[in-house]
Amino acid sequence: MADSWPASLGLTPKQHSSGGKDRLLGISKRGDAYLRTLMIHGARSALRTANSKDDRLSQWAVRLAERSHPNVAAIALANKTARMTWAMLRNGTDYQPDRAAA
């Protein structure tokens, strides 16, 4: 597995930069399309039920969805989930909800 797992899944913005001017466009869509689709669908499902939950990750997702487009919020949550999954696999730890939304 790569060092930047969300990037290898295509869950990070594609960068088109030149002359010191950074331009971040849509997601890169590199890597496994099926796995990316599952991650995004899971994030959409989590966003639908996040209003009724009081954990830190759900509240972060609700605040993000209020100030951005629902698709942007879903991709951001999928990216965060992929980063948490990679960290748990790399460190051999279990999910720790208190550390989920930093």
C-alpha atoms as a PDB file:
ATOM      1  CA  MET A   1       0.000   0.000   0.000  1.00  0.00           C
ATOM      2  CA  ALA A   2       1.128   3.529  -0.694  1.00  0.00           C
ATOM      3  CA  ASP A   3       2.024   6.174   1.872  1.00  0.00           C
ATOM      4  CA  SER A   4      -0.879   8.354   0.788  1.00  0.00           C
ATOM      5  CA  TRP A   5      -3.747   5.910   0.671  1.00  0.00           C
ATOM      6  CA  PRO A   6      -6.584   8.416  -0.004  1.00  0.00           C
ATOM      7  CA  ALA A   7      -4.608   9.808  -2.924  1.00  0.00           C
ATOM      8  CA  SER A   8      -4.135   6.338  -4.379  1.00  0.00           C
ATOM      9  CA  LEU A   9      -7.915   5.795  -4.105  1.00  0.00           C
ATOM     10  CA  GLY A  10      -8.647   8.994  -6.008  1.00  0.00           C
ATOM     11  CA  LEU A  11     -10.254  10.767  -3.038  1.00  0.00           C
ATOM     12  CA  THR A  12      -8.024  13.833  -3.094  1.00  0.00           C
ATOM     13  CA  PRO A  13      -8.243  16.928  -5.316  1.00  0.00           C
ATOM     14  CA  LYS A  14      -6.432  16.853  -8.630  1.00  0.00           C
ATOM     15  CA  GLN A  15      -3.790  19.561  -8.644  1.00  0.00           C
ATOM     16  CA  HIS A  16      -3.191  21.832 -11.637  1.00  0.00           C
ATOM     17  CA  SER A  17      -0.600  24.318 -10.437  1.00  0.00           C
ATOM     18  CA  SER A  18       1.770  26.532 -12.308  1.00  0.00           C
ATOM     19  CA  GLY A  19       3.826  29.605 -11.558  1.00  0.00           C
ATOM     20  CA  GLY A  20       3.225  29.425  -7.828  1.00  0.00           C
ATOM     21  CA  LYS A  21      -0.552  29.532  -8.261  1.00  0.00           C
ATOM     22  CA  ASP A  22      -2.289  26.506  -6.750  1.00  0.00           C
ATOM     23  CA  ARG A  23      -5.438  25.194  -8.422  1.00  0.00           C
ATOM     24  CA  LEU A  24      -7.261  22.261  -6.862  1.00  0.00           C
ATOM     25  CA  LEU A  25     -10.026  20.826  -9.024  1.00  0.00           C
ATOM     26  CA  GLY A  26     -12.259  17.765  -8.589  1.00  0.00           C
ATOM     27  CA  ILE A  27     -11.116  14.421  -7.236  1.00  0.00           C
ATOM     28  CA  SER A  28      -8.401  12.703  -9.224  1.00  0.00           C
ATOM     29  CA  LYS A  29     -10.331   9.432  -9.818  1.00  0.00           C
ATOM     30  CA  ARG A  30      -7.155   7.380  -9.831  1.00  0.00           C
ATOM     31  CA  GLY A  31      -6.944   3.921  -8.387  1.00  0.00           C
ATOM     32  CA  ASP A  32      -9.682   1.378  -7.812  1.00  0.00           C
ATOM     33  CA  ALA A  33     -13.004   2.824  -8.990  1.00  0.00           C
ATOM     34  CA  TYR A  34     -15.056   0.199  -7.161  1.00  0.00           C
ATOM     35  CA  LEU A  35     -13.383   0.824  -3.800  1.00  0.00           C
ATOM     36  CA  ARG A  36     -13.723   4.596  -4.281  1.00  0.00           C
ATOM     37  CA  THR A  37     -17.419   4.122  -5.099  1.00  0.00           C
ATOM     38  CA  LEU A  38     -17.947   2.066  -1.946  1.00  0.00           C
ATOM     39  CA  MET A  39     -16.186   4.675   0.182  1.00  0.00           C
ATOM     40  CA  ILE A  40     -18.281   7.507  -1.278  1.00  0.00           C
ATOM     41  CA  HIS A  41     -21.562   5.613  -0.922  1.00  0.00           C
ATOM     42  CA  GLY A  42     -20.670   4.799   2.672  1.00  0.00           C
ATOM     43  CA  ALA A  43     -19.932   8.458   3.350  1.00  0.00           C
ATOM     44  CA  ARG A  44     -23.263   9.515   1.808  1.00  0.00           C
ATOM     45  CA  SER A  45     -25.054   7.018   3.996  1.00  0.00           C
ATOM     46  CA  ALA A  46     -23.220   8.292   7.090  1.00  0.00           C
ATOM     47  CA  LEU A  47     -24.110  11.891   6.200  1.00  0.00           C
ATOM     48  CA  ARG A  48     -27.808  11.007   5.959  1.00  0.00           C
ATOM     49  CA  THR A  49     -27.863   9.720   9.549  1.00  0.00           C
ATOM     50  CA  ALA A  50     -25.290  12.090  11.072  1.00  0.00           C
ATOM     51  CA  ASN A  51     -27.925  14.575  12.328  1.00  0.00           C
ATOM     52  CA  SER A  52     -29.248  12.071  14.851  1.00  0.00           C
ATOM     53  CA  LYS A  53     -25.819  11.228  16.316  1.00  0.00           C
ATOM     54  CA  ASP A  54     -23.701  13.105  18.809  1.00  0.00           C
ATOM     55  CA  ASP A  55     -20.202  11.712  18.266  1.00  0.00           C
ATOM     56  CA  ARG A  56     -17.432  14.086  17.127  1.00  0.00           C
ATOM     57  CA  LEU A  57     -17.094  12.663  13.612  1.00  0.00           C
ATOM     58  CA  SER A  58     -20.838  12.915  12.910  1.00  0.00           C
ATOM     59  CA  GLN A  59     -20.981  16.476  14.208  1.00  0.00           C
ATOM     60  CA  TRP A  60     -17.964  17.407  12.055  1.00  0.00           C
ATOM     61  CA  ALA A  61     -19.743  15.933   9.033  1.00  0.00           C
ATOM     62  CA  VAL A  62     -22.962  17.833   9.815  1.00  0.00           C
ATOM     63  CA  ARG A  63     -21.106  21.153  10.124  1.00  0.00           C
ATOM     64  CA  LEU A  64     -19.275  20.478   6.868  1.00  0.00           C
ATOM     65  CA  ALA A  65     -22.491  19.567   5.029  1.00  0.00           C
ATOM     66  CA  GLU A  66     -24.148  22.785   6.238  1.00  0.00           C
ATOM     67  CA  ARG A  67     -21.471  25.003   4.677  1.00  0.00           C
ATOM     68  CA  SER A  68     -20.675  23.058   1.483  1.00  0.00           C
ATOM     69  CA  HIS A  69     -22.336  21.075  -1.284  1.00  0.00           C
ATOM     70  CA  PRO A  70     -23.536  17.602  -0.189  1.00  0.00           C
ATOM     71  CA  ASN A  71     -21.256  15.888  -2.722  1.00  0.00           C
ATOM     72  CA  VAL A  72     -18.237  17.827  -1.451  1.00  0.00           C
ATOM     73  CA  ALA A  73     -19.104  16.820   2.114  1.00  0.00           C
ATOM     74  CA  ALA A  74     -19.450  13.170   1.078  1.00  0.00           C
ATOM     75  CA  ILE A  75     -16.031  13.154  -0.606  1.00  0.00           C
ATOM     76  CA  ALA A  76     -14.451  14.877   2.409  1.00  0.00           C
ATOM     77  CA  LEU A  77     -15.960  12.291   4.766  1.00  0.00           C
ATOM     78  CA  ALA A  78     -14.830   9.442   2.491  1.00  0.00           C
ATOM     79  CA  ASN A  79     -11.320  10.945   2.448  1.00  0.00           C
ATOM     80  CA  LYS A  80     -11.275  11.260   6.240  1.00  0.00           C
ATOM     81  CA  THR A  81     -12.529   7.674   6.603  1.00  0.00           C
ATOM     82  CA  ALA A  82      -9.825   6.408   4.232  1.00  0.00           C
ATOM     83  CA  ARG A  83      -7.129   8.285   6.187  1.00  0.00           C
ATOM     84  CA  MET A  84      -8.403   6.865   9.486  1.00  0.00           C
ATOM     85  CA  THR A  85      -8.520   3.362   7.985  1.00  0.00           C
ATOM     86  CA  TRP A  86      -4.967   3.694   6.679  1.00  0.00           C
ATOM     87  CA  ALA A  87      -3.731   4.904  10.078  1.00  0.00           C
ATOM     88  CA  MET A  88      -5.421   1.985  11.854  1.00  0.00           C
ATOM     89  CA  LEU A  89      -3.925  -0.528   9.394  1.00  0.00           C
ATOM     90  CA  ARG A  90      -0.465   1.043   9.556  1.00  0.00           C
ATOM     91  CA  ASN A  91      -0.376   1.232  13.363  1.00  0.00           C
ATOM     92  CA  GLY A  92      -2.311  -1.968  14.067  1.00  0.00           C
ATOM     93  CA  THR A  93      -4.829  -0.154  16.278  1.00  0.00           C
ATOM     94  CA  ASP A  94      -8.596  -0.221  16.676  1.00  0.00           C
ATOM     95  CA  TYR A  95     -10.982   2.628  15.928  1.00  0.00           C
ATOM     96  CA  GLN A  96     -10.841   5.313  18.635  1.00  0.00           C
ATOM     97  CA  PRO A  97     -13.903   7.578  18.347  1.00  0.00           C
ATOM     98  CA  ASP A  98     -12.424  10.240  20.636  1.00  0.00           C
ATOM     99  CA  ARG A  99      -9.614  10.843  18.127  1.00  0.00           C
ATOM    100  CA  ALA A 100     -11.779  10.605  14.975  1.00  0.00           C
ATOM    101  CA  ALA A 101     -12.540  14.266  14.238  1.00  0.00           C
ATOM    102  CA  ALA A 102      -9.538  16.452  14.758  1.00  0.00           C
END
